Amino acid sequence: MLGNAHTLNLSNTKVTDVSMLGNVYELNLSYTLVEDVSTLGNVHTLDLYNTNVSDVSMLGNVHELNILYTKVTDISMLGNVYKLDTFIKL
């Protein structure tokens, strides 16, 4: 089962549904077709670089988050994120 993997790199794939990957420790979704990451709130390290993700409000428990080149405009719910990579003006 991929949902129990420790580290999973799906970058540069055509994956769209990540609803079963909420228990992965480190997940790379850069350059994918993913838009909905609402089920990934327990992932420790999440890379969403260059995706169509726009809502990260459910990712407040993620430790490291990369949202460079995404459609995210509101990061107010990410108060517990330890490391955040973004171009959003704070």
Protein backbone atom coordinates (compact mmCIF):
# COMPACT_ATOMS: atom_id res chain seq x y z
CA MET A 1 0.00 0.00 0.00
CA LEU A 2 1.43 3.36 -1.03
CA GLY A 3 -0.47 5.12 1.75
CA ASN A 4 1.84 3.60 4.36
CA ALA A 5 5.11 4.45 2.62
CA HIS A 6 7.67 6.51 4.53
CA THR A 7 8.93 8.51 1.55
CA LEU A 8 7.04 8.78 -1.72
CA ASN A 9 8.13 10.76 -4.77
CA LEU A 10 5.36 11.22 -7.34
CA SER A 11 6.84 14.32 -8.96
CA ASN A 12 6.45 14.73 -12.70
CA THR A 13 3.58 12.24 -12.87
CA LYS A 14 -0.03 12.64 -13.93
CA VAL A 15 -1.36 11.76 -10.47
CA THR A 16 -4.48 13.69 -9.44
CA ASP A 17 -5.95 11.77 -6.48
CA VAL A 18 -3.84 11.70 -3.31
CA SER A 19 -6.66 11.02 -0.86
CA MET A 20 -5.12 7.71 0.29
CA LEU A 21 -1.66 9.17 1.01
CA GLY A 22 -2.39 10.95 4.29
CA ASN A 23 -0.05 8.70 6.31
CA VAL A 24 3.04 9.13 4.13
CA TYR A 25 5.82 10.84 6.10
CA GLU A 26 7.55 12.63 3.21
CA LEU A 27 5.59 13.27 0.00
CA ASN A 28 6.79 14.99 -3.18
CA LEU A 29 3.96 16.04 -5.50
CA SER A 30 5.82 18.69 -7.47
CA TYR A 31 4.88 19.05 -11.13
CA THR A 32 1.77 16.87 -10.73
CA LEU A 33 -1.87 17.51 -11.58
CA VAL A 34 -2.93 17.46 -7.91
CA GLU A 35 -5.41 20.14 -6.84
CA ASP A 36 -6.95 18.78 -3.62
CA VAL A 37 -4.60 18.14 -0.68
CA SER A 38 -7.19 18.34 2.09
CA THR A 39 -6.45 14.77 3.26
CA LEU A 40 -2.70 15.33 3.67
CA GLY A 41 -2.76 17.14 7.01
CA ASN A 42 -0.68 14.44 8.73
CA VAL A 43 2.16 14.38 6.20
CA HIS A 44 5.40 15.62 7.78
CA THR A 45 7.13 17.00 4.66
CA LEU A 46 5.06 18.00 1.63
CA ASP A 47 6.35 19.40 -1.65
CA LEU A 48 3.65 21.01 -3.81
CA TYR A 49 6.03 22.97 -6.04
CA ASN A 50 4.43 23.99 -9.34
CA THR A 51 1.03 22.37 -8.79
CA ASN A 52 -2.52 23.71 -9.16
CA VAL A 53 -3.17 23.53 -5.42
CA SER A 54 -4.96 26.64 -4.14
CA ASP A 55 -6.26 25.63 -0.68
CA VAL A 56 -3.78 24.59 2.02
CA SER A 57 -6.00 25.38 5.01
CA MET A 58 -6.06 21.71 6.10
CA LEU A 59 -2.24 21.45 6.19
CA GLY A 60 -1.67 23.23 9.51
CA ASN A 61 0.10 20.20 11.01
CA VAL A 62 2.56 19.72 8.16
CA HIS A 63 6.12 20.32 9.41
CA GLU A 64 7.75 21.37 6.10
CA LEU A 65 5.74 22.71 3.17
CA ASN A 66 6.80 23.93 -0.26
CA ILE A 67 4.12 25.92 -2.08
CA LEU A 68 6.34 27.79 -4.53
CA TYR A 69 4.62 28.32 -7.90
CA THR A 70 1.19 27.20 -6.69
CA LYS A 71 -2.14 29.04 -6.70
CA VAL A 72 -2.13 29.46 -2.91
CA THR A 73 -2.99 32.97 -1.74
CA ASP A 74 -3.97 32.39 1.91
CA ILE A 75 -1.50 30.87 4.37
CA SER A 76 -3.18 32.10 7.55
CA MET A 77 -4.01 28.54 8.70
CA LEU A 78 -0.37 27.40 8.51
CA GLY A 79 0.73 28.68 11.91
CA ASN A 80 2.29 25.36 12.95
CA VAL A 81 4.36 24.84 9.80
CA TYR A 82 8.04 24.88 10.79
CA LYS A 83 9.52 25.48 7.30
CA LEU A 84 7.50 27.18 4.55
CA ASP A 85 8.73 27.90 1.04
CA THR A 86 6.51 30.41 -0.76
CA PHE A 87 6.44 33.62 -2.79
CA ILE A 88 3.31 34.95 -1.07
CA LYS A 89 3.73 38.42 0.40
CA LEU A 90 3.32 38.23 4.17
